[in-house]
Amino acid sequence: MSSEHVPAEPAEPREPAGSSTPNRREVRLRRAPKFGPFMGAGIVLGIIVAAISAYTGPENAEFTRSSIFGFLAVLFGIAGMLLGALVVLVVDRISIKRSEKMMAVETPEQADPEQEED
């Protein structure tokens, strides 16, 4: 069994390197939101709501305010993270609808001056 690699032929014929017509193709450009910051903000808001709920509510004889805060911080933090994920999905869907079609033109590669010094 031979292990020779046969390169696949390109689907589109490429023009020679010295050709004057650039290679063009249509692309969609959009600004997509990052999930991490939205989910992190949801967690932070959930913990803030937990602190407000734990320290402003009625006092309990069985549990300290700190233990109530810890429990609520986990619950509200998870709820805030899920809410942040939902918000980022809505924003992402809006960014897909607002995307623009543009024409991309291939530019000739330029030699790196640092590599030529060798």
PDB file of N, CA and C in Angstrom:
ATOM      1  N   MET A   1       0.844  -1.173   0.000  1.00  0.00           N
ATOM      2  CA  MET A   1       0.000   0.000   0.000  1.00  0.00           C
ATOM      3  C   MET A   1       0.886   1.232   0.000  1.00  0.00           C
ATOM      4  N   SER A   2       0.666   2.111  -0.938  1.00  0.00           N
ATOM      5  CA  SER A   2       1.526   3.291  -1.027  1.00  0.00           C
ATOM      6  C   SER A   2       0.901   4.445  -0.278  1.00  0.00           C
ATOM      7  N   SER A   3       1.727   5.318   0.205  1.00  0.00           N
ATOM      8  CA  SER A   3       1.247   6.462   0.972  1.00  0.00           C
ATOM      9  C   SER A   3       1.483   7.764   0.232  1.00  0.00           C
ATOM     10  N   GLU A   4       1.393   7.710  -1.077  1.00  0.00           N
ATOM     11  CA  GLU A   4       1.603   8.921  -1.868  1.00  0.00           C
ATOM     12  C   GLU A   4       0.382   9.816  -1.769  1.00  0.00           C
ATOM     13  N   HIS A   5       0.629  11.095  -1.705  1.00  0.00           N
ATOM     14  CA  HIS A   5      -0.442  12.068  -1.625  1.00  0.00           C
ATOM     15  C   HIS A   5      -0.644  12.667  -3.004  1.00  0.00           C
ATOM     16  N   VAL A   6      -1.839  12.492  -3.529  1.00  0.00           N
ATOM     17  CA  VAL A   6      -2.159  13.066  -4.827  1.00  0.00           C
ATOM     18  C   VAL A   6      -2.966  14.323  -4.580  1.00  0.00           C
ATOM     19  N   PRO A   7      -2.442  15.485  -4.983  1.00  0.00           N
ATOM     20  CA  PRO A   7      -3.187  16.715  -4.740  1.00  0.00           C
ATOM     21  C   PRO A   7      -4.454  16.745  -5.583  1.00  0.00           C
ATOM     22  N   ALA A   8      -5.520  17.206  -4.952  1.00  0.00           N
ATOM     23  CA  ALA A   8      -6.795  17.326  -5.653  1.00  0.00           C
ATOM     24  C   ALA A   8      -6.746  18.523  -6.579  1.00  0.00           C
ATOM     25  N   GLU A   9      -7.411  18.396  -7.710  1.00  0.00           N
ATOM     26  CA  GLU A   9      -7.436  19.505  -8.650  1.00  0.00           C
ATOM     27  C   GLU A   9      -8.427  20.547  -8.161  1.00  0.00           C
ATOM     28  N   PRO A  10      -8.102  21.824  -8.308  1.00  0.00           N
ATOM     29  CA  PRO A  10      -9.018  22.869  -7.842  1.00  0.00           C
ATOM     30  C   PRO A  10     -10.319  22.840  -8.634  1.00  0.00           C
ATOM     31  N   ALA A  11     -11.415  23.198  -7.959  1.00  0.00           N
ATOM     32  CA  ALA A  11     -12.729  23.207  -8.599  1.00  0.00           C
ATOM     33  C   ALA A  11     -12.812  24.281  -9.676  1.00  0.00           C
ATOM     34  N   GLU A  12     -12.178  25.418  -9.428  1.00  0.00           N
ATOM     35  CA  GLU A  12     -12.170  26.505 -10.397  1.00  0.00           C
ATOM     36  C   GLU A  12     -10.754  26.659 -10.938  1.00  0.00           C
ATOM     37  N   PRO A  13     -10.625  26.817 -12.229  1.00  0.00           N
ATOM     38  CA  PRO A  13      -9.271  27.046 -12.746  1.00  0.00           C
ATOM     39  C   PRO A  13      -8.768  28.408 -12.291  1.00  0.00           C
ATOM     40  N   ARG A  14      -7.557  28.443 -11.797  1.00  0.00           N
ATOM     41  CA  ARG A  14      -6.964  29.697 -11.329  1.00  0.00           C
ATOM     42  C   ARG A  14      -6.246  30.366 -12.482  1.00  0.00           C
ATOM     43  N   GLU A  15      -6.240  31.671 -12.430  1.00  0.00           N
ATOM     44  CA  GLU A  15      -5.538  32.418 -13.457  1.00  0.00           C
ATOM     45  C   GLU A  15      -4.054  32.449 -13.127  1.00  0.00           C
ATOM     46  N   PRO A  16      -3.210  32.619 -14.125  1.00  0.00           N
ATOM     47  CA  PRO A  16      -1.768  32.697 -13.861  1.00  0.00           C
ATOM     48  C   PRO A  16      -1.438  33.846 -12.926  1.00  0.00           C
ATOM     49  N   ALA A  17      -0.309  33.706 -12.208  1.00  0.00           N
ATOM     50  CA  ALA A  17       0.088  34.695 -11.202  1.00  0.00           C
ATOM     51  C   ALA A  17       0.272  36.080 -11.791  1.00  0.00           C
ATOM     52  N   GLY A  18       0.698  36.184 -13.018  1.00  0.00           N
ATOM     53  CA  GLY A  18       0.951  37.486 -13.626  1.00  0.00           C
ATOM     54  C   GLY A  18      -0.273  38.095 -14.258  1.00  0.00           C
ATOM     55  N   SER A  19      -1.426  37.500 -14.093  1.00  0.00           N
ATOM     56  CA  SER A  19      -2.650  37.974 -14.719  1.00  0.00           C
ATOM     57  C   SER A  19      -3.055  39.325 -14.128  1.00  0.00           C
ATOM     58  N   SER A  20      -3.674  40.170 -14.959  1.00  0.00           N
ATOM     59  CA  SER A  20      -4.041  41.504 -14.503  1.00  0.00           C
ATOM     60  C   SER A  20      -5.440  41.551 -13.889  1.00  0.00           C
ATOM     61  N   THR A  21      -6.283  40.535 -14.088  1.00  0.00           N
ATOM     62  CA  THR A  21      -7.621  40.559 -13.502  1.00  0.00           C
ATOM     63  C   THR A  21      -7.602  39.866 -12.151  1.00  0.00           C
ATOM     64  N   PRO A  22      -8.001  40.575 -11.090  1.00  0.00           N
ATOM     65  CA  PRO A  22      -7.991  39.964  -9.752  1.00  0.00           C
ATOM     66  C   PRO A  22      -9.132  38.962  -9.585  1.00  0.00           C
ATOM     67  N   ASN A  23      -8.941  38.033  -8.676  1.00  0.00           N
ATOM     68  CA  ASN A  23      -9.954  37.031  -8.372  1.00  0.00           C
ATOM     69  C   ASN A  23     -10.973  37.658  -7.428  1.00  0.00           C
ATOM     70  N   ARG A  24     -12.267  37.660  -7.801  1.00  0.00           N
ATOM     71  CA  ARG A  24     -13.312  38.298  -7.007  1.00  0.00           C
ATOM     72  C   ARG A  24     -14.328  37.259  -6.564  1.00  0.00           C
ATOM     73  N   ARG A  25     -14.933  37.515  -5.391  1.00  0.00           N
ATOM     74  CA  ARG A  25     -16.036  36.687  -4.934  1.00  0.00           C
ATOM     75  C   ARG A  25     -16.904  37.492  -3.970  1.00  0.00           C
ATOM     76  N   GLU A  26     -18.161  37.100  -3.901  1.00  0.00           N
ATOM     77  CA  GLU A  26     -19.105  37.809  -3.043  1.00  0.00           C
ATOM     78  C   GLU A  26     -19.072  37.210  -1.638  1.00  0.00           C
ATOM     79  N   VAL A  27     -19.008  38.094  -0.624  1.00  0.00           N
ATOM     80  CA  VAL A  27     -18.990  37.657   0.772  1.00  0.00           C
ATOM     81  C   VAL A  27     -20.040  38.450   1.543  1.00  0.00           C
ATOM     82  N   ARG A  28     -20.448  37.907   2.694  1.00  0.00           N
ATOM     83  CA  ARG A  28     -21.372  38.613   3.587  1.00  0.00           C
ATOM     84  C   ARG A  28     -20.582  39.117   4.782  1.00  0.00           C
ATOM     85  N   LEU A  29     -20.750  40.386   5.102  1.00  0.00           N
ATOM     86  CA  LEU A  29     -20.047  41.018   6.200  1.00  0.00           C
ATOM     87  C   LEU A  29     -21.040  41.361   7.300  1.00  0.00           C
ATOM     88  N   ARG A  30     -20.725  40.918   8.530  1.00  0.00           N
ATOM     89  CA  ARG A  30     -21.584  41.231   9.672  1.00  0.00           C
ATOM     90  C   ARG A  30     -20.737  41.316  10.926  1.00  0.00           C
ATOM     91  N   ARG A  31     -21.283  42.006  11.916  1.00  0.00           N
ATOM     92  CA  ARG A  31     -20.639  42.116  13.219  1.00  0.00           C
ATOM     93  C   ARG A  31     -21.341  41.154  14.159  1.00  0.00           C
ATOM     94  N   ALA A  32     -20.661  40.084  14.508  1.00  0.00           N
ATOM     95  CA  ALA A  32     -21.255  39.066  15.378  1.00  0.00           C
ATOM     96  C   ALA A  32     -20.852  39.326  16.828  1.00  0.00           C
ATOM     97  N   PRO A  33     -21.797  39.226  17.754  1.00  0.00           N
ATOM     98  CA  PRO A  33     -21.464  39.436  19.170  1.00  0.00           C
ATOM     99  C   PRO A  33     -20.721  38.236  19.744  1.00  0.00           C
ATOM    100  N   LYS A  34     -19.957  38.474  20.791  1.00  0.00           N
ATOM    101  CA  LYS A  34     -19.258  37.400  21.487  1.00  0.00           C
ATOM    102  C   LYS A  34     -20.133  36.910  22.637  1.00  0.00           C
ATOM    103  N   PHE A  35     -20.187  35.602  22.819  1.00  0.00           N
ATOM    104  CA  PHE A  35     -21.055  35.030  23.838  1.00  0.00           C
ATOM    105  C   PHE A  35     -20.542  35.299  25.252  1.00  0.00           C
ATOM    106  N   GLY A  36     -19.249  35.234  25.466  1.00  0.00           N
ATOM    107  CA  GLY A  36     -18.664  35.357  26.803  1.00  0.00           C
ATOM    108  C   GLY A  36     -19.047  36.615  27.558  1.00  0.00           C
ATOM    109  N   PRO A  37     -18.875  37.799  26.966  1.00  0.00           N
ATOM    110  CA  PRO A  37     -19.234  39.019  27.695  1.00  0.00           C
ATOM    111  C   PRO A  37     -20.711  39.107  28.066  1.00  0.00           C
ATOM    112  N   PHE A  38     -21.590  38.643  27.197  1.00  0.00           N
ATOM    113  CA  PHE A  38     -23.021  38.686  27.504  1.00  0.00           C
ATOM    114  C   PHE A  38     -23.352  37.740  28.654  1.00  0.00           C
ATOM    115  N   MET A  39     -22.812  36.543  28.612  1.00  0.00           N
ATOM    116  CA  MET A  39     -23.081  35.568  29.664  1.00  0.00           C
ATOM    117  C   MET A  39     -22.441  36.001  30.975  1.00  0.00           C
ATOM    118  N   GLY A  40     -21.242  36.572  30.911  1.00  0.00           N
ATOM    119  CA  GLY A  40     -20.580  37.080  32.114  1.00  0.00           C
ATOM    120  C   GLY A  40     -21.360  38.215  32.752  1.00  0.00           C
ATOM    121  N   ALA A  41     -21.894  39.108  31.922  1.00  0.00           N
ATOM    122  CA  ALA A  41     -22.708  40.208  32.452  1.00  0.00           C
ATOM    123  C   ALA A  41     -23.983  39.669  33.103  1.00  0.00           C
ATOM    124  N   GLY A  42     -24.543  38.610  32.526  1.00  0.00           N
ATOM    125  CA  GLY A  42     -25.726  37.995  33.129  1.00  0.00           C
ATOM    126  C   GLY A  42     -25.417  37.397  34.492  1.00  0.00           C
ATOM    127  N   ILE A  43     -24.259  36.773  34.621  1.00  0.00           N
ATOM    128  CA  ILE A  43     -23.853  36.202  35.909  1.00  0.00           C
ATOM    129  C   ILE A  43     -23.676  37.301  36.954  1.00  0.00           C
ATOM    130  N   VAL A  44     -22.996  38.375  36.553  1.00  0.00           N
ATOM    131  CA  VAL A  44     -22.762  39.485  37.486  1.00  0.00           C
ATOM    132  C   VAL A  44     -24.088  40.102  37.935  1.00  0.00           C
ATOM    133  N   LEU A  45     -24.998  40.316  36.980  1.00  0.00           N
ATOM    134  CA  LEU A  45     -26.305  40.876  37.353  1.00  0.00           C
ATOM    135  C   LEU A  45     -27.077  39.923  38.258  1.00  0.00           C
ATOM    136  N   GLY A  46     -26.971  38.622  38.010  1.00  0.00           N
ATOM    137  CA  GLY A  46     -27.632  37.648  38.871  1.00  0.00           C
ATOM    138  C   GLY A  46     -27.093  37.675  40.284  1.00  0.00           C
ATOM    139  N   ILE A  47     -25.783  37.833  40.434  1.00  0.00           N
ATOM    140  CA  ILE A  47     -25.176  37.898  41.773  1.00  0.00           C
ATOM    141  C   ILE A  47     -25.578  39.191  42.487  1.00  0.00           C
ATOM    142  N   ILE A  48     -25.686  40.283  41.746  1.00  0.00           N
ATOM    143  CA  ILE A  48     -26.129  41.546  42.353  1.00  0.00           C
ATOM    144  C   ILE A  48     -27.570  41.418  42.851  1.00  0.00           C
ATOM    145  N   VAL A  49     -28.428  40.806  42.047  1.00  0.00           N
ATOM    146  CA  VAL A  49     -29.818  40.594  42.469  1.00  0.00           C
ATOM    147  C   VAL A  49     -29.863  39.671  43.682  1.00  0.00           C
ATOM    148  N   ALA A  50     -28.990  38.671  43.719  1.00  0.00           N
ATOM    149  CA  ALA A  50     -28.938  37.761  44.868  1.00  0.00           C
ATOM    150  C   ALA A  50     -28.532  38.504  46.136  1.00  0.00           C
ATOM    151  N   ALA A  51     -27.556  39.401  46.016  1.00  0.00           N
ATOM    152  CA  ALA A  51     -27.124  40.172  47.183  1.00  0.00           C
ATOM    153  C   ALA A  51     -28.247  41.067  47.696  1.00  0.00           C
ATOM    154  N   ILE A  52     -28.935  41.704  46.784  1.00  0.00           N
ATOM    155  CA  ILE A  52     -30.046  42.569  47.187  1.00  0.00           C
ATOM    156  C   ILE A  52     -31.135  41.737  47.861  1.00  0.00           C
ATOM    157  N   SER A  53     -31.452  40.590  47.283  1.00  0.00           N
ATOM    158  CA  SER A  53     -32.500  39.734  47.849  1.00  0.00           C
ATOM    159  C   SER A  53     -32.114  39.178  49.212  1.00  0.00           C
ATOM    160  N   ALA A  54     -30.857  38.790  49.367  1.00  0.00           N
ATOM    161  CA  ALA A  54     -30.432  38.156  50.622  1.00  0.00           C
ATOM    162  C   ALA A  54     -30.318  39.152  51.766  1.00  0.00           C
ATOM    163  N   TYR A  55     -29.830  40.354  51.488  1.00  0.00           N
ATOM    164  CA  TYR A  55     -29.562  41.295  52.573  1.00  0.00           C
ATOM    165  C   TYR A  55     -30.708  42.273  52.847  1.00  0.00           C
ATOM    166  N   THR A  56     -31.720  42.315  51.978  1.00  0.00           N
ATOM    167  CA  THR A  56     -32.850  43.199  52.252  1.00  0.00           C
ATOM    168  C   THR A  56     -34.102  42.443  52.680  1.00  0.00           C
ATOM    169  N   GLY A  57     -34.076  41.131  52.522  1.00  0.00           N
ATOM    170  CA  GLY A  57     -35.239  40.326  52.901  1.00  0.00           C
ATOM    171  C   GLY A  57     -35.325  40.151  54.405  1.00  0.00           C
ATOM    172  N   PRO A  58     -36.398  39.487  54.863  1.00  0.00           N
ATOM    173  CA  PRO A  58     -36.556  39.253  56.309  1.00  0.00           C
ATOM    174  C   PRO A  58     -35.492  38.284  56.819  1.00  0.00           C
ATOM    175  N   GLU A  59     -35.116  38.468  58.062  1.00  0.00           N
ATOM    176  CA  GLU A  59     -34.084  37.626  58.651  1.00  0.00           C
ATOM    177  C   GLU A  59     -34.666  36.257  58.995  1.00  0.00           C
ATOM    178  N   ASN A  60     -33.834  35.206  58.845  1.00  0.00           N
ATOM    179  CA  ASN A  60     -34.257  33.838  59.104  1.00  0.00           C
ATOM    180  C   ASN A  60     -33.478  33.304  60.299  1.00  0.00           C
ATOM    181  N   ALA A  61     -34.130  32.599  61.186  1.00  0.00           N
ATOM    182  CA  ALA A  61     -33.466  32.071  62.379  1.00  0.00           C
ATOM    183  C   ALA A  61     -32.607  30.852  62.063  1.00  0.00           C
ATOM    184  N   GLU A  62     -32.943  30.111  61.017  1.00  0.00           N
ATOM    185  CA  GLU A  62     -32.205  28.888  60.690  1.00  0.00           C
ATOM    186  C   GLU A  62     -30.930  29.138  59.897  1.00  0.00           C
ATOM    187  N   PHE A  63     -30.933  30.137  59.026  1.00  0.00           N
ATOM    188  CA  PHE A  63     -29.795  30.377  58.129  1.00  0.00           C
ATOM    189  C   PHE A  63     -29.263  31.790  58.297  1.00  0.00           C
ATOM    190  N   THR A  64     -27.953  31.928  58.106  1.00  0.00           N
ATOM    191  CA  THR A  64     -27.362  33.270  58.138  1.00  0.00           C
ATOM    192  C   THR A  64     -27.611  33.954  56.793  1.00  0.00           C
ATOM    193  N   ARG A  65     -27.445  35.258  56.798  1.00  0.00           N
ATOM    194  CA  ARG A  65     -27.622  36.000  55.543  1.00  0.00           C
ATOM    195  C   ARG A  65     -26.569  35.593  54.514  1.00  0.00           C
ATOM    196  N   SER A  66     -25.374  35.260  54.972  1.00  0.00           N
ATOM    197  CA  SER A  66     -24.315  34.851  54.049  1.00  0.00           C
ATOM    198  C   SER A  66     -24.641  33.525  53.358  1.00  0.00           C
ATOM    199  N   SER A  67     -25.202  32.579  54.097  1.00  0.00           N
ATOM    200  CA  SER A  67     -25.551  31.302  53.475  1.00  0.00           C
ATOM    201  C   SER A  67     -26.724  31.466  52.504  1.00  0.00           C
ATOM    202  N   ILE A  68     -27.648  32.333  52.838  1.00  0.00           N
ATOM    203  CA  ILE A  68     -28.752  32.624  51.918  1.00  0.00           C
ATOM    204  C   ILE A  68     -28.215  33.297  50.660  1.00  0.00           C
ATOM    205  N   PHE A  69     -27.275  34.230  50.845  1.00  0.00           N
ATOM    206  CA  PHE A  69     -26.664  34.898  49.693  1.00  0.00           C
ATOM    207  C   PHE A  69     -25.948  33.893  48.799  1.00  0.00           C
ATOM    208  N   GLY A  70     -25.197  32.958  49.372  1.00  0.00           N
ATOM    209  CA  GLY A  70     -24.489  31.959  48.577  1.00  0.00           C
ATOM    210  C   GLY A  70     -25.446  31.107  47.756  1.00  0.00           C
ATOM    211  N   PHE A  71     -26.509  30.668  48.381  1.00  0.00           N
ATOM    212  CA  PHE A  71     -27.503  29.859  47.674  1.00  0.00           C
ATOM    213  C   PHE A  71     -28.151  30.653  46.545  1.00  0.00           C
ATOM    214  N   LEU A  72     -28.574  31.877  46.851  1.00  0.00           N
ATOM    215  CA  LEU A  72     -29.217  32.700  45.823  1.00  0.00           C
ATOM    216  C   LEU A  72     -28.239  33.126  44.726  1.00  0.00           C
ATOM    217  N   ALA A  73     -26.971  33.312  45.099  1.00  0.00           N
ATOM    218  CA  ALA A  73     -25.974  33.704  44.090  1.00  0.00           C
ATOM    219  C   ALA A  73     -25.818  32.608  43.040  1.00  0.00           C
ATOM    220  N   VAL A  74     -25.812  31.354  43.475  1.00  0.00           N
ATOM    221  CA  VAL A  74     -25.716  30.251  42.512  1.00  0.00           C
ATOM    222  C   VAL A  74     -26.958  30.204  41.635  1.00  0.00           C
ATOM    223  N   LEU A  75     -28.132  30.267  42.247  1.00  0.00           N
ATOM    224  CA  LEU A  75     -29.371  30.195  41.467  1.00  0.00           C
ATOM    225  C   LEU A  75     -29.525  31.376  40.508  1.00  0.00           C
ATOM    226  N   PHE A  76     -29.366  32.596  41.050  1.00  0.00           N
ATOM    227  CA  PHE A  76     -29.541  33.771  40.195  1.00  0.00           C
ATOM    228  C   PHE A  76     -28.394  33.923  39.197  1.00  0.00           C
ATOM    229  N   GLY A  77     -27.204  33.463  39.554  1.00  0.00           N
ATOM    230  CA  GLY A  77     -26.079  33.509  38.618  1.00  0.00           C
ATOM    231  C   GLY A  77     -26.333  32.627  37.402  1.00  0.00           C
ATOM    232  N   ILE A  78     -26.839  31.420  37.638  1.00  0.00           N
ATOM    233  CA  ILE A  78     -27.170  30.521  36.526  1.00  0.00           C
ATOM    234  C   ILE A  78     -28.311  31.107  35.693  1.00  0.00           C
ATOM    235  N   ALA A  79     -29.324  31.635  36.363  1.00  0.00           N
ATOM    236  CA  ALA A  79     -30.438  32.250  35.636  1.00  0.00           C
ATOM    237  C   ALA A  79     -29.958  33.446  34.811  1.00  0.00           C
ATOM    238  N   GLY A  80     -29.060  34.253  35.377  1.00  0.00           N
ATOM    239  CA  GLY A  80     -28.515  35.395  34.638  1.00  0.00           C
ATOM    240  C   GLY A  80     -27.684  34.969  33.452  1.00  0.00           C
ATOM    241  N   MET A  81     -26.916  33.885  33.604  1.00  0.00           N
ATOM    242  CA  MET A  81     -26.112  33.373  32.498  1.00  0.00           C
ATOM    243  C   MET A  81     -27.024  32.901  31.360  1.00  0.00           C
ATOM    244  N   LEU A  82     -28.091  32.188  31.700  1.00  0.00           N
ATOM    245  CA  LEU A  82     -29.027  31.728  30.674  1.00  0.00           C
ATOM    246  C   LEU A  82     -29.734  32.898  29.994  1.00  0.00           C
ATOM    247  N   LEU A  83     -30.083  33.907  30.773  1.00  0.00           N
ATOM    248  CA  LEU A  83     -30.712  35.094  30.203  1.00  0.00           C
ATOM    249  C   LEU A  83     -29.732  35.837  29.279  1.00  0.00           C
ATOM    250  N   GLY A  84     -28.459  35.930  29.678  1.00  0.00           N
ATOM    251  CA  GLY A  84     -27.450  36.555  28.826  1.00  0.00           C
ATOM    252  C   GLY A  84     -27.246  35.784  27.534  1.00  0.00           C
ATOM    253  N   ALA A  85     -27.285  34.440  27.603  1.00  0.00           N
ATOM    254  CA  ALA A  85     -27.156  33.622  26.397  1.00  0.00           C
ATOM    255  C   ALA A  85     -28.342  33.847  25.465  1.00  0.00           C
ATOM    256  N   LEU A  86     -29.530  33.991  26.040  1.00  0.00           N
ATOM    257  CA  LEU A  86     -30.715  34.254  25.227  1.00  0.00           C
ATOM    258  C   LEU A  86     -30.615  35.618  24.542  1.00  0.00           C
ATOM    259  N   VAL A  87     -30.134  36.608  25.263  1.00  0.00           N
ATOM    260  CA  VAL A  87     -29.977  37.957  24.687  1.00  0.00           C
ATOM    261  C   VAL A  87     -28.965  37.930  23.549  1.00  0.00           C
ATOM    262  N   VAL A  88     -27.845  37.223  23.730  1.00  0.00           N
ATOM    263  CA  VAL A  88     -26.829  37.201  22.675  1.00  0.00           C
ATOM    264  C   VAL A  88     -27.336  36.446  21.450  1.00  0.00           C
ATOM    265  N   LEU A  89     -28.186  35.450  21.628  1.00  0.00           N
ATOM    266  CA  LEU A  89     -28.764  34.771  20.470  1.00  0.00           C
ATOM    267  C   LEU A  89     -29.684  35.694  19.686  1.00  0.00           C
ATOM    268  N   VAL A  90     -30.445  36.525  20.384  1.00  0.00           N
ATOM    269  CA  VAL A  90     -31.314  37.489  19.708  1.00  0.00           C
ATOM    270  C   VAL A  90     -30.479  38.537  18.968  1.00  0.00           C
ATOM    271  N   VAL A  91     -29.434  39.034  19.622  1.00  0.00           N
ATOM    272  CA  VAL A  91     -28.562  40.024  18.979  1.00  0.00           C
ATOM    273  C   VAL A  91     -27.855  39.414  17.772  1.00  0.00           C
ATOM    274  N   ASP A  92     -27.449  38.146  17.873  1.00  0.00           N
ATOM    275  CA  ASP A  92     -26.805  37.472  16.751  1.00  0.00           C
ATOM    276  C   ASP A  92     -27.770  37.324  15.582  1.00  0.00           C
ATOM    277  N   ARG A  93     -29.011  36.982  15.862  1.00  0.00           N
ATOM    278  CA  ARG A  93     -30.018  36.854  14.804  1.00  0.00           C
ATOM    279  C   ARG A  93     -30.241  38.202  14.115  1.00  0.00           C
ATOM    280  N   ILE A  94     -30.258  39.284  14.891  1.00  0.00           N
ATOM    281  CA  ILE A  94     -30.420  40.616  14.311  1.00  0.00           C
ATOM    282  C   ILE A  94     -29.220  40.966  13.434  1.00  0.00           C
ATOM    283  N   SER A  95     -28.002  40.589  13.872  1.00  0.00           N
ATOM    284  CA  SER A  95     -26.810  40.900  13.078  1.00  0.00           C
ATOM    285  C   SER A  95     -26.798  40.124  11.766  1.00  0.00           C
ATOM    286  N   ILE A  96     -27.388  38.922  11.744  1.00  0.00           N
ATOM    287  CA  ILE A  96     -27.467  38.165  10.494  1.00  0.00           C
ATOM    288  C   ILE A  96     -28.394  38.885   9.520  1.00  0.00           C
ATOM    289  N   LYS A  97     -29.501  39.418  10.024  1.00  0.00           N
ATOM    290  CA  LYS A  97     -30.448  40.128   9.147  1.00  0.00           C
ATOM    291  C   LYS A  97     -29.853  41.429   8.624  1.00  0.00           C
ATOM    292  N   ARG A  98     -28.965  42.044   9.386  1.00  0.00           N
ATOM    293  CA  ARG A  98     -28.365  43.320   8.975  1.00  0.00           C
ATOM    294  C   ARG A  98     -27.050  43.147   8.216  1.00  0.00           C
ATOM    295  N   SER A  99     -26.669  41.916   7.913  1.00  0.00           N
ATOM    296  CA  SER A  99     -25.398  41.700   7.220  1.00  0.00           C
ATOM    297  C   SER A  99     -25.464  42.294   5.812  1.00  0.00           C
ATOM    298  N   GLU A 100     -24.301  42.665   5.302  1.00  0.00           N
ATOM    299  CA  GLU A 100     -24.209  43.299   3.999  1.00  0.00           C
ATOM    300  C   GLU A 100     -23.439  42.404   3.040  1.00  0.00           C
ATOM    301  N   LYS A 101     -23.860  42.423   1.786  1.00  0.00           N
ATOM    302  CA  LYS A 101     -23.116  41.701   0.745  1.00  0.00           C
ATOM    303  C   LYS A 101     -22.047  42.633   0.209  1.00  0.00           C
ATOM    304  N   MET A 102     -20.840  42.103   0.093  1.00  0.00           N
ATOM    305  CA  MET A 102     -19.731  42.898  -0.438  1.00  0.00           C
ATOM    306  C   MET A 102     -18.927  42.048  -1.400  1.00  0.00           C
ATOM    307  N   MET A 103     -18.118  42.697  -2.193  1.00  0.00           N
ATOM    308  CA  MET A 103     -17.267  42.007  -3.137  1.00  0.00           C
ATOM    309  C   MET A 103     -15.843  41.980  -2.578  1.00  0.00           C
ATOM    310  N   ALA A 104     -15.287  40.790  -2.443  1.00  0.00           N
ATOM    311  CA  ALA A 104     -13.914  40.636  -1.961  1.00  0.00           C
ATOM    312  C   ALA A 104     -13.001  40.428  -3.160  1.00  0.00           C
ATOM    313  N   VAL A 105     -11.896  41.131  -3.173  1.00  0.00           N
ATOM    314  CA  VAL A 105     -10.936  41.045  -4.261  1.00  0.00           C
ATOM    315  C   VAL A 105      -9.629  40.505  -3.711  1.00  0.00           C
ATOM    316  N   GLU A 106      -9.104  39.468  -4.349  1.00  0.00           N
ATOM    317  CA  GLU A 106      -7.838  38.881  -3.922  1.00  0.00           C
ATOM    318  C   GLU A 106      -6.708  39.833  -4.291  1.00  0.00           C
ATOM    319  N   THR A 107      -5.843  40.103  -3.335  1.00  0.00           N
ATOM    320  CA  THR A 107      -4.698  40.977  -3.590  1.00  0.00           C
ATOM    321  C   THR A 107      -3.450  40.135  -3.771  1.00  0.00           C
ATOM    322  N   PRO A 108      -2.505  40.623  -4.556  1.00  0.00           N
ATOM    323  CA  PRO A 108      -1.271  39.846  -4.732  1.00  0.00           C
ATOM    324  C   PRO A 108      -0.480  39.803  -3.426  1.00  0.00           C
ATOM    325  N   GLU A 109       0.123  38.652  -3.160  1.00  0.00           N
ATOM    326  CA  GLU A 109       0.908  38.516  -1.935  1.00  0.00           C
ATOM    327  C   GLU A 109       2.200  39.304  -2.069  1.00  0.00           C
ATOM    328  N   GLN A 110       2.554  40.004  -1.010  1.00  0.00           N
ATOM    329  CA  GLN A 110       3.790  40.759  -1.008  1.00  0.00           C
ATOM    330  C   GLN A 110       4.806  40.009  -0.180  1.00  0.00           C
ATOM    331  N   ALA A 111       6.039  40.059  -0.606  1.00  0.00           N
ATOM    332  CA  ALA A 111       7.104  39.379   0.125  1.00  0.00           C
ATOM    333  C   ALA A 111       7.382  40.127   1.419  1.00  0.00           C
ATOM    334  N   ASP A 112       7.618  39.379   2.486  1.00  0.00           N
ATOM    335  CA  ASP A 112       7.935  39.952   3.786  1.00  0.00           C
ATOM    336  C   ASP A 112       9.395  40.417   3.769  1.00  0.00           C
ATOM    337  N   PRO A 113       9.698  41.694   4.051  1.00  0.00           N
ATOM    338  CA  PRO A 113      11.075  42.186   3.984  1.00  0.00           C
ATOM    339  C   PRO A 113      12.013  41.456   4.967  1.00  0.00           C
ATOM    340  N   GLU A 114      11.476  41.002   6.091  1.00  0.00           N
ATOM    341  CA  GLU A 114      12.331  40.313   7.067  1.00  0.00           C
ATOM    342  C   GLU A 114      12.796  38.957   6.544  1.00  0.00           C
ATOM    343  N   GLN A 115      11.965  38.293   5.757  1.00  0.00           N
ATOM    344  CA  GLN A 115      12.326  36.992   5.230  1.00  0.00           C
ATOM    345  C   GLN A 115      13.343  37.111   4.096  1.00  0.00           C
ATOM    346  N   GLU A 116      13.362  38.230   3.370  1.00  0.00           N
ATOM    347  CA  GLU A 116      14.291  38.406   2.252  1.00  0.00           C
ATOM    348  C   GLU A 116      15.724  38.606   2.715  1.00  0.00           C
ATOM    349  N   GLU A 117      15.921  38.999   3.974  1.00  0.00           N
ATOM    350  CA  GLU A 117      17.259  39.283   4.464  1.00  0.00           C
ATOM    351  C   GLU A 117      18.103  38.025   4.636  1.00  0.00           C
ATOM    352  N   ASP A 118      17.487  36.855   4.760  1.00  0.00           N
ATOM    353  CA  ASP A 118      18.226  35.617   4.981  1.00  0.00           C
ATOM    354  C   ASP A 118      19.068  35.212   3.811  1.00  0.00           C
TER     355      ASP A 118
END
